[in-house]
Amino acid sequence: MRVAIFSAFPQEIKPIVKNLKAIKSKSRPFSLFVAEYSSNEIILVQSGMGRRNAETALDYVLKEHNPDLVLSVGFCGALYSGAAAGDLIWAERVFLIPEDVLKSGATLKRKDLCSQEIPNVREIVSRLSGRVSLREGCILTLERYMKKSEIKKILPDDLCFTVCDMETFFLAKASIQRGLSFISIRSITDRADEEIPPELFHVTDESGEYRLSRALSLLLRKPKLIRHSIKLGRNASIASKNLWLAVKSLIEVL
């Protein structure tokens, strides 16, 4: 089987690339690695953050590699109490808050959200029982940065174990429309009562790629962010290691 794994940031897939001994492919607008594991061909894609980057990377991979399965992995923020760094969430249905609905400021109902059902994912995830700890939840994709306090004010009450990211819905919809199997697994980096300072999201360039130079420049200009950056880095390390365990287990049961 040929599996295409998509993530936004290098930290999300670094342990996966390392443990699979994946080889970096030729230069292109995004980083791409290839590997073989458990009789499967693996394509690892670091697409950058947001809708445009995710869809552009998916279109390229579909054209050049024709995968059988698209796996979206990465970090997320928890919107439910009791979450811990590294907790893993999968979803049978993913959601998007439409921008026009956001502007109303009203509390949302589930019908107000765009949603995408993910077929046959439960059967695949069930094979992971006993191998890795996964919780079924709701993955909510945002089109722009929002504080958790803002999201929770308008979030429907009937969504359980909700986490937020900025790519999953778009990858799921595009993959399923093309007849591809799709799975998403997200690993928590920040709890529901923790806000990531928005400045830390500005360490990527216009294409959504992480830039160390931007991160260092930001911390030099705003040293108060160093504490937040260290904590986020520590949580991200836990989250990325758990993502690797989930990906490894999933590939082995395909």
C-alpha atoms as a PDB file:
ATOM      1  CA  MET A   1       0.000   0.000   0.000  1.00  0.00           C
ATOM      2  CA  ARG A   2       1.136   3.545  -0.723  1.00  0.00           C
ATOM      3  CA  VAL A   3       0.481   5.922   2.177  1.00  0.00           C
ATOM      4  CA  ALA A   4       0.831   9.709   1.976  1.00  0.00           C
ATOM      5  CA  ILE A   5       1.322  11.378   5.364  1.00  0.00           C
ATOM      6  CA  PHE A   6       0.730  15.130   5.575  1.00  0.00           C
ATOM      7  CA  SER A   7       1.754  17.539   8.324  1.00  0.00           C
ATOM      8  CA  ALA A   8       2.141  21.309   8.533  1.00  0.00           C
ATOM      9  CA  PHE A   9       5.351  21.729  10.547  1.00  0.00           C
ATOM     10  CA  PRO A  10       8.721  19.943  10.669  1.00  0.00           C
ATOM     11  CA  GLN A  11       8.390  19.264  14.402  1.00  0.00           C
ATOM     12  CA  GLU A  12       5.273  17.192  13.748  1.00  0.00           C
ATOM     13  CA  ILE A  13       6.943  14.622  11.520  1.00  0.00           C
ATOM     14  CA  LYS A  14      10.599  14.800  12.595  1.00  0.00           C
ATOM     15  CA  PRO A  15      10.450  11.574  14.673  1.00  0.00           C
ATOM     16  CA  ILE A  16       8.510   9.851  11.866  1.00  0.00           C
ATOM     17  CA  VAL A  17      11.127  10.822   9.269  1.00  0.00           C
ATOM     18  CA  LYS A  18      13.942   9.769  11.599  1.00  0.00           C
ATOM     19  CA  ASN A  19      12.495   6.406  12.632  1.00  0.00           C
ATOM     20  CA  LEU A  20      11.442   5.439   9.113  1.00  0.00           C
ATOM     21  CA  LYS A  21      14.885   6.487   7.838  1.00  0.00           C
ATOM     22  CA  ALA A  22      13.027   8.445   5.186  1.00  0.00           C
ATOM     23  CA  ILE A  23      15.031  10.022   2.376  1.00  0.00           C
ATOM     24  CA  LYS A  24      14.377  13.610   1.371  1.00  0.00           C
ATOM     25  CA  SER A  25      13.201  13.961  -2.207  1.00  0.00           C
ATOM     26  CA  LYS A  26      14.199  16.664  -4.675  1.00  0.00           C
ATOM     27  CA  SER A  27      13.601  20.292  -3.754  1.00  0.00           C
ATOM     28  CA  ARG A  28      10.104  21.725  -4.319  1.00  0.00           C
ATOM     29  CA  PRO A  29       7.865  24.322  -2.641  1.00  0.00           C
ATOM     30  CA  PHE A  30       7.441  21.918   0.292  1.00  0.00           C
ATOM     31  CA  SER A  31       9.546  19.196   1.918  1.00  0.00           C
ATOM     32  CA  LEU A  32       8.865  15.608   0.838  1.00  0.00           C
ATOM     33  CA  PHE A  33      10.418  12.368   2.103  1.00  0.00           C
ATOM     34  CA  VAL A  34      10.023   8.755   0.979  1.00  0.00           C
ATOM     35  CA  ALA A  35      10.469   5.491   2.871  1.00  0.00           C
ATOM     36  CA  GLU A  36       9.400   1.856   2.993  1.00  0.00           C
ATOM     37  CA  TYR A  37       8.014   0.278   6.147  1.00  0.00           C
ATOM     38  CA  SER A  38       6.111  -2.915   6.852  1.00  0.00           C
ATOM     39  CA  SER A  39       5.729  -3.617   3.099  1.00  0.00           C
ATOM     40  CA  ASN A  40       4.192  -0.157   2.558  1.00  0.00           C
ATOM     41  CA  GLU A  41       5.534   2.754   0.553  1.00  0.00           C
ATOM     42  CA  ILE A  42       5.433   5.937   2.646  1.00  0.00           C
ATOM     43  CA  ILE A  43       5.400   9.512   1.319  1.00  0.00           C
ATOM     44  CA  LEU A  44       5.892  12.127   4.036  1.00  0.00           C
ATOM     45  CA  VAL A  45       4.880  15.688   3.186  1.00  0.00           C
ATOM     46  CA  GLN A  46       5.511  18.837   5.212  1.00  0.00           C
ATOM     47  CA  SER A  47       2.999  21.098   3.511  1.00  0.00           C
ATOM     48  CA  GLY A  48       3.096  24.240   5.631  1.00  0.00           C
ATOM     49  CA  MET A  49       0.163  25.703   7.534  1.00  0.00           C
ATOM     50  CA  GLY A  50      -3.320  26.420   6.228  1.00  0.00           C
ATOM     51  CA  ARG A  51      -5.751  25.488   3.475  1.00  0.00           C
ATOM     52  CA  ARG A  52      -3.844  26.630   0.409  1.00  0.00           C
ATOM     53  CA  ASN A  53      -0.627  24.836   1.343  1.00  0.00           C
ATOM     54  CA  ALA A  54      -2.420  21.617   2.279  1.00  0.00           C
ATOM     55  CA  GLU A  55      -4.435  21.485  -0.953  1.00  0.00           C
ATOM     56  CA  THR A  56      -1.432  22.383  -3.140  1.00  0.00           C
ATOM     57  CA  ALA A  57       0.678  19.651  -1.555  1.00  0.00           C
ATOM     58  CA  LEU A  58      -2.134  17.107  -1.874  1.00  0.00           C
ATOM     59  CA  ASP A  59      -2.627  17.878  -5.575  1.00  0.00           C
ATOM     60  CA  TYR A  60       1.094  17.353  -6.201  1.00  0.00           C
ATOM     61  CA  VAL A  61       1.273  14.070  -4.292  1.00  0.00           C
ATOM     62  CA  LEU A  62      -1.834  12.690  -5.999  1.00  0.00           C
ATOM     63  CA  LYS A  63      -0.373  13.480  -9.401  1.00  0.00           C
ATOM     64  CA  GLU A  64       3.153  12.212  -8.750  1.00  0.00           C
ATOM     65  CA  HIS A  65       2.622   9.324  -6.302  1.00  0.00           C
ATOM     66  CA  ASN A  66      -1.029   8.192  -6.561  1.00  0.00           C
ATOM     67  CA  PRO A  67      -1.420   7.118  -2.898  1.00  0.00           C
ATOM     68  CA  ASP A  68      -4.005   4.626  -1.648  1.00  0.00           C
ATOM     69  CA  LEU A  69      -4.406   6.316   1.732  1.00  0.00           C
ATOM     70  CA  VAL A  70      -4.013   9.889   2.950  1.00  0.00           C
ATOM     71  CA  LEU A  71      -3.058  10.296   6.607  1.00  0.00           C
ATOM     72  CA  SER A  72      -3.203  13.771   8.149  1.00  0.00           C
ATOM     73  CA  VAL A  73      -1.154  14.092  11.334  1.00  0.00           C
ATOM     74  CA  GLY A  74      -0.063  17.005  13.451  1.00  0.00           C
ATOM     75  CA  PHE A  75      -0.462  19.085  16.550  1.00  0.00           C
ATOM     76  CA  CYS A  76      -3.720  20.500  17.872  1.00  0.00           C
ATOM     77  CA  GLY A  77      -5.116  22.544  20.698  1.00  0.00           C
ATOM     78  CA  ALA A  78      -7.590  21.000  23.135  1.00  0.00           C
ATOM     79  CA  LEU A  79     -11.007  22.577  23.598  1.00  0.00           C
ATOM     80  CA  TYR A  80     -12.129  20.153  26.317  1.00  0.00           C
ATOM     81  CA  SER A  81     -11.081  19.932  29.947  1.00  0.00           C
ATOM     82  CA  GLY A  82      -8.851  17.149  31.204  1.00  0.00           C
ATOM     83  CA  ALA A  83      -6.617  16.971  28.132  1.00  0.00           C
ATOM     84  CA  ALA A  84      -2.872  16.482  28.470  1.00  0.00           C
ATOM     85  CA  ALA A  85       0.057  17.113  26.148  1.00  0.00           C
ATOM     86  CA  GLY A  86       0.497  14.163  23.802  1.00  0.00           C
ATOM     87  CA  ASP A  87      -3.072  12.870  23.997  1.00  0.00           C
ATOM     88  CA  LEU A  88      -4.102  11.469  20.605  1.00  0.00           C
ATOM     89  CA  ILE A  89      -7.433  12.223  18.938  1.00  0.00           C
ATOM     90  CA  TRP A  90      -8.989  10.688  15.835  1.00  0.00           C
ATOM     91  CA  ALA A  91     -12.303  11.612  14.236  1.00  0.00           C
ATOM     92  CA  GLU A  92     -14.997   9.929  12.153  1.00  0.00           C
ATOM     93  CA  ARG A  93     -16.284  13.365  11.119  1.00  0.00           C
ATOM     94  CA  VAL A  94     -14.365  16.634  10.859  1.00  0.00           C
ATOM     95  CA  PHE A  95     -15.734  20.163  11.048  1.00  0.00           C
ATOM     96  CA  LEU A  96     -15.068  23.673   9.783  1.00  0.00           C
ATOM     97  CA  ILE A  97     -16.475  26.947  11.118  1.00  0.00           C
ATOM     98  CA  PRO A  98     -17.437  28.986   8.003  1.00  0.00           C
ATOM     99  CA  GLU A  99     -16.114  32.535   8.091  1.00  0.00           C
ATOM    100  CA  ASP A 100     -19.536  34.061   7.397  1.00  0.00           C
ATOM    101  CA  VAL A 101     -21.003  32.174  10.358  1.00  0.00           C
ATOM    102  CA  LEU A 102     -18.176  33.383  12.585  1.00  0.00           C
ATOM    103  CA  LYS A 103     -19.039  37.004  11.858  1.00  0.00           C
ATOM    104  CA  SER A 104     -22.505  36.572  13.350  1.00  0.00           C
ATOM    105  CA  GLY A 105     -20.991  36.011  16.803  1.00  0.00           C
ATOM    106  CA  ALA A 106     -23.887  33.749  17.785  1.00  0.00           C
ATOM    107  CA  THR A 107     -23.542  30.414  19.566  1.00  0.00           C
ATOM    108  CA  LEU A 108     -23.337  27.747  16.886  1.00  0.00           C
ATOM    109  CA  LYS A 109     -25.291  24.550  16.457  1.00  0.00           C
ATOM    110  CA  ARG A 110     -23.794  21.504  14.791  1.00  0.00           C
ATOM    111  CA  LYS A 111     -25.841  22.223  11.640  1.00  0.00           C
ATOM    112  CA  ASP A 112     -24.077  25.613  11.327  1.00  0.00           C
ATOM    113  CA  LEU A 113     -20.716  23.915  10.829  1.00  0.00           C
ATOM    114  CA  CYS A 114     -19.438  22.524   7.559  1.00  0.00           C
ATOM    115  CA  SER A 115     -18.800  18.835   8.136  1.00  0.00           C
ATOM    116  CA  GLN A 116     -17.152  15.964   6.321  1.00  0.00           C
ATOM    117  CA  GLU A 117     -17.783  12.340   7.188  1.00  0.00           C
ATOM    118  CA  ILE A 118     -14.752  10.057   6.934  1.00  0.00           C
ATOM    119  CA  PRO A 119     -15.869   6.637   5.635  1.00  0.00           C
ATOM    120  CA  ASN A 120     -14.537   3.340   6.995  1.00  0.00           C
ATOM    121  CA  VAL A 121     -12.116   4.980   9.445  1.00  0.00           C
ATOM    122  CA  ARG A 122     -13.587   3.253  12.505  1.00  0.00           C
ATOM    123  CA  GLU A 123     -12.781  -0.197  11.122  1.00  0.00           C
ATOM    124  CA  ILE A 124      -9.134   0.775  10.568  1.00  0.00           C
ATOM    125  CA  VAL A 125      -8.722   2.493  13.942  1.00  0.00           C
ATOM    126  CA  SER A 126     -10.228  -0.546  15.702  1.00  0.00           C
ATOM    127  CA  ARG A 127      -7.174  -2.544  14.608  1.00  0.00           C
ATOM    128  CA  LEU A 128      -5.026  -0.287  16.808  1.00  0.00           C
ATOM    129  CA  SER A 129      -6.697  -1.469  20.018  1.00  0.00           C
ATOM    130  CA  GLY A 130      -4.019  -2.403  22.530  1.00  0.00           C
ATOM    131  CA  ARG A 131      -1.245  -0.901  20.428  1.00  0.00           C
ATOM    132  CA  VAL A 132      -1.666   2.819  21.072  1.00  0.00           C
ATOM    133  CA  SER A 133      -4.021   4.975  23.145  1.00  0.00           C
ATOM    134  CA  LEU A 134      -6.397   6.847  20.832  1.00  0.00           C
ATOM    135  CA  ARG A 135      -9.530   8.760  21.787  1.00  0.00           C
ATOM    136  CA  GLU A 136     -12.356   9.419  19.373  1.00  0.00           C
ATOM    137  CA  GLY A 137     -13.188  13.116  19.285  1.00  0.00           C
ATOM    138  CA  CYS A 138     -14.091  16.032  17.033  1.00  0.00           C
ATOM    139  CA  ILE A 139     -11.467  17.786  14.934  1.00  0.00           C
ATOM    140  CA  LEU A 140     -12.451  21.382  14.287  1.00  0.00           C
ATOM    141  CA  THR A 141     -10.516  23.188  11.558  1.00  0.00           C
ATOM    142  CA  LEU A 142     -10.120  26.959  11.717  1.00  0.00           C
ATOM    143  CA  GLU A 143      -9.520  29.207   8.714  1.00  0.00           C
ATOM    144  CA  ARG A 144      -7.799  31.827  10.864  1.00  0.00           C
ATOM    145  CA  TYR A 145      -6.283  32.197  14.308  1.00  0.00           C
ATOM    146  CA  MET A 146      -8.819  32.394  17.126  1.00  0.00           C
ATOM    147  CA  LYS A 147      -8.386  32.426  20.871  1.00  0.00           C
ATOM    148  CA  LYS A 148      -9.776  29.364  22.581  1.00  0.00           C
ATOM    149  CA  SER A 149     -11.901  31.590  24.763  1.00  0.00           C
ATOM    150  CA  GLU A 150     -13.566  32.880  21.579  1.00  0.00           C
ATOM    151  CA  ILE A 151     -14.072  29.410  20.140  1.00  0.00           C
ATOM    152  CA  LYS A 152     -15.527  27.942  23.317  1.00  0.00           C
ATOM    153  CA  LYS A 153     -18.110  30.722  23.572  1.00  0.00           C
ATOM    154  CA  ILE A 154     -19.695  29.702  20.260  1.00  0.00           C
ATOM    155  CA  LEU A 155     -18.914  25.970  20.208  1.00  0.00           C
ATOM    156  CA  PRO A 156     -21.924  23.609  20.008  1.00  0.00           C
ATOM    157  CA  ASP A 157     -22.557  21.645  23.194  1.00  0.00           C
ATOM    158  CA  ASP A 158     -22.898  18.310  21.398  1.00  0.00           C
ATOM    159  CA  LEU A 159     -19.256  18.092  20.233  1.00  0.00           C
ATOM    160  CA  CYS A 160     -17.167  15.774  22.420  1.00  0.00           C
ATOM    161  CA  PHE A 161     -13.408  15.845  23.000  1.00  0.00           C
ATOM    162  CA  THR A 162     -13.000  18.672  20.512  1.00  0.00           C
ATOM    163  CA  VAL A 163      -9.582  19.814  19.301  1.00  0.00           C
ATOM    164  CA  CYS A 164      -8.673  22.496  16.769  1.00  0.00           C
ATOM    165  CA  ASP A 165      -6.195  22.742  13.905  1.00  0.00           C
ATOM    166  CA  MET A 166      -5.944  24.508  10.527  1.00  0.00           C
ATOM    167  CA  GLU A 167      -5.664  21.741   7.902  1.00  0.00           C
ATOM    168  CA  THR A 168      -7.633  18.564   8.575  1.00  0.00           C
ATOM    169  CA  PHE A 169     -11.031  19.505   7.131  1.00  0.00           C
ATOM    170  CA  PHE A 170      -9.543  20.630   3.814  1.00  0.00           C
ATOM    171  CA  LEU A 171      -7.388  17.528   3.400  1.00  0.00           C
ATOM    172  CA  ALA A 172     -10.274  15.253   4.353  1.00  0.00           C
ATOM    173  CA  LYS A 173     -12.730  16.835   1.929  1.00  0.00           C
ATOM    174  CA  ALA A 174     -10.284  16.924  -0.990  1.00  0.00           C
ATOM    175  CA  SER A 175      -9.139  13.332  -0.407  1.00  0.00           C
ATOM    176  CA  ILE A 176     -12.634  11.866  -0.071  1.00  0.00           C
ATOM    177  CA  GLN A 177     -13.885  13.758  -3.132  1.00  0.00           C
ATOM    178  CA  ARG A 178     -11.113  11.999  -5.070  1.00  0.00           C
ATOM    179  CA  GLY A 179     -12.133   8.574  -3.759  1.00  0.00           C
ATOM    180  CA  LEU A 180      -9.159   8.136  -1.413  1.00  0.00           C
ATOM    181  CA  SER A 181      -9.186   6.578   2.025  1.00  0.00           C
ATOM    182  CA  PHE A 182      -8.475   9.178   4.698  1.00  0.00           C
ATOM    183  CA  ILE A 183      -7.507   9.160   8.387  1.00  0.00           C
ATOM    184  CA  SER A 184      -6.545  11.997  10.699  1.00  0.00           C
ATOM    185  CA  ILE A 185      -4.711  11.687  14.010  1.00  0.00           C
ATOM    186  CA  ARG A 186      -3.956  14.802  16.045  1.00  0.00           C
ATOM    187  CA  SER A 187      -1.722  15.117  19.120  1.00  0.00           C
ATOM    188  CA  ILE A 188      -2.411  17.774  21.733  1.00  0.00           C
ATOM    189  CA  THR A 189       0.219  20.415  22.498  1.00  0.00           C
ATOM    190  CA  ASP A 190      -1.863  22.863  24.560  1.00  0.00           C
ATOM    191  CA  ARG A 191      -4.691  22.307  27.008  1.00  0.00           C
ATOM    192  CA  ALA A 192      -8.076  24.011  26.911  1.00  0.00           C
ATOM    193  CA  ASP A 193      -7.000  26.572  29.510  1.00  0.00           C
ATOM    194  CA  GLU A 194      -3.776  27.440  27.652  1.00  0.00           C
ATOM    195  CA  GLU A 195      -3.513  30.013  24.894  1.00  0.00           C
ATOM    196  CA  ILE A 196      -0.574  29.987  22.490  1.00  0.00           C
ATOM    197  CA  PRO A 197       0.499  33.620  21.964  1.00  0.00           C
ATOM    198  CA  PRO A 198      -0.487  34.521  18.376  1.00  0.00           C
ATOM    199  CA  GLU A 199       3.012  35.882  17.699  1.00  0.00           C
ATOM    200  CA  LEU A 200       4.348  32.320  17.813  1.00  0.00           C
ATOM    201  CA  PHE A 201       2.249  31.494  14.748  1.00  0.00           C
ATOM    202  CA  HIS A 202       4.190  34.126  12.791  1.00  0.00           C
ATOM    203  CA  VAL A 203       7.419  32.121  12.647  1.00  0.00           C
ATOM    204  CA  THR A 204       6.415  30.732   9.254  1.00  0.00           C
ATOM    205  CA  ASP A 205       6.996  32.376   5.891  1.00  0.00           C
ATOM    206  CA  GLU A 206       4.347  33.204   3.305  1.00  0.00           C
ATOM    207  CA  SER A 207       4.211  29.580   2.156  1.00  0.00           C
ATOM    208  CA  GLY A 208       3.548  28.329   5.685  1.00  0.00           C
ATOM    209  CA  GLU A 209       7.061  26.928   6.147  1.00  0.00           C
ATOM    210  CA  TYR A 210       8.693  27.206   9.596  1.00  0.00           C
ATOM    211  CA  ARG A 211      11.662  29.589   9.655  1.00  0.00           C
ATOM    212  CA  LEU A 212      14.201  29.392  12.513  1.00  0.00           C
ATOM    213  CA  SER A 213      15.448  32.896  11.690  1.00  0.00           C
ATOM    214  CA  ARG A 214      11.972  34.319  12.225  1.00  0.00           C
ATOM    215  CA  ALA A 215      11.590  32.461  15.506  1.00  0.00           C
ATOM    216  CA  LEU A 216      14.912  33.750  16.839  1.00  0.00           C
ATOM    217  CA  SER A 217      14.149  37.294  15.699  1.00  0.00           C
ATOM    218  CA  LEU A 218      10.762  37.192  17.423  1.00  0.00           C
ATOM    219  CA  LEU A 219      12.215  35.954  20.720  1.00  0.00           C
ATOM    220  CA  LEU A 220      14.943  38.591  20.663  1.00  0.00           C
ATOM    221  CA  ARG A 221      12.351  41.305  20.160  1.00  0.00           C
ATOM    222  CA  LYS A 222       9.886  39.871  22.675  1.00  0.00           C
ATOM    223  CA  PRO A 223      11.817  37.920  25.332  1.00  0.00           C
ATOM    224  CA  LYS A 224       8.624  37.473  27.380  1.00  0.00           C
ATOM    225  CA  LEU A 225       7.629  34.873  24.788  1.00  0.00           C
ATOM    226  CA  ILE A 226      10.631  32.680  25.623  1.00  0.00           C
ATOM    227  CA  ARG A 227       8.799  31.006  28.520  1.00  0.00           C
ATOM    228  CA  HIS A 228       5.815  30.214  26.290  1.00  0.00           C
ATOM    229  CA  SER A 229       8.120  28.980  23.530  1.00  0.00           C
ATOM    230  CA  ILE A 230       9.998  26.631  25.880  1.00  0.00           C
ATOM    231  CA  LYS A 231       6.768  25.153  27.241  1.00  0.00           C
ATOM    232  CA  LEU A 232       5.321  24.746  23.760  1.00  0.00           C
ATOM    233  CA  GLY A 233       8.553  23.102  22.603  1.00  0.00           C
ATOM    234  CA  ARG A 234       8.442  20.651  25.503  1.00  0.00           C
ATOM    235  CA  ASN A 235       4.816  19.762  24.811  1.00  0.00           C
ATOM    236  CA  ALA A 236       5.501  19.500  21.082  1.00  0.00           C
ATOM    237  CA  SER A 237       8.279  16.980  21.772  1.00  0.00           C
ATOM    238  CA  ILE A 238       5.850  14.771  23.704  1.00  0.00           C
ATOM    239  CA  ALA A 239       3.163  15.194  21.042  1.00  0.00           C
ATOM    240  CA  SER A 240       5.465  14.347  18.131  1.00  0.00           C
ATOM    241  CA  LYS A 241       6.764  11.186  19.820  1.00  0.00           C
ATOM    242  CA  ASN A 242       3.200   9.995  20.380  1.00  0.00           C
ATOM    243  CA  LEU A 243       2.347  10.783  16.763  1.00  0.00           C
ATOM    244  CA  TRP A 244       5.198   8.528  15.690  1.00  0.00           C
ATOM    245  CA  LEU A 245       3.886   5.677  17.834  1.00  0.00           C
ATOM    246  CA  ALA A 246       0.423   6.122  16.331  1.00  0.00           C
ATOM    247  CA  VAL A 247       1.725   6.270  12.755  1.00  0.00           C
ATOM    248  CA  LYS A 248       3.994   3.249  13.293  1.00  0.00           C
ATOM    249  CA  SER A 249       1.126   1.192  14.714  1.00  0.00           C
ATOM    250  CA  LEU A 250      -1.244   2.257  11.943  1.00  0.00           C
ATOM    251  CA  ILE A 251       1.161   1.363   9.150  1.00  0.00           C
ATOM    252  CA  GLU A 252       1.782  -2.043  10.722  1.00  0.00           C
ATOM    253  CA  VAL A 253      -1.934  -2.956  10.701  1.00  0.00           C
ATOM    254  CA  LEU A 254      -2.757  -1.788   7.182  1.00  0.00           C
END
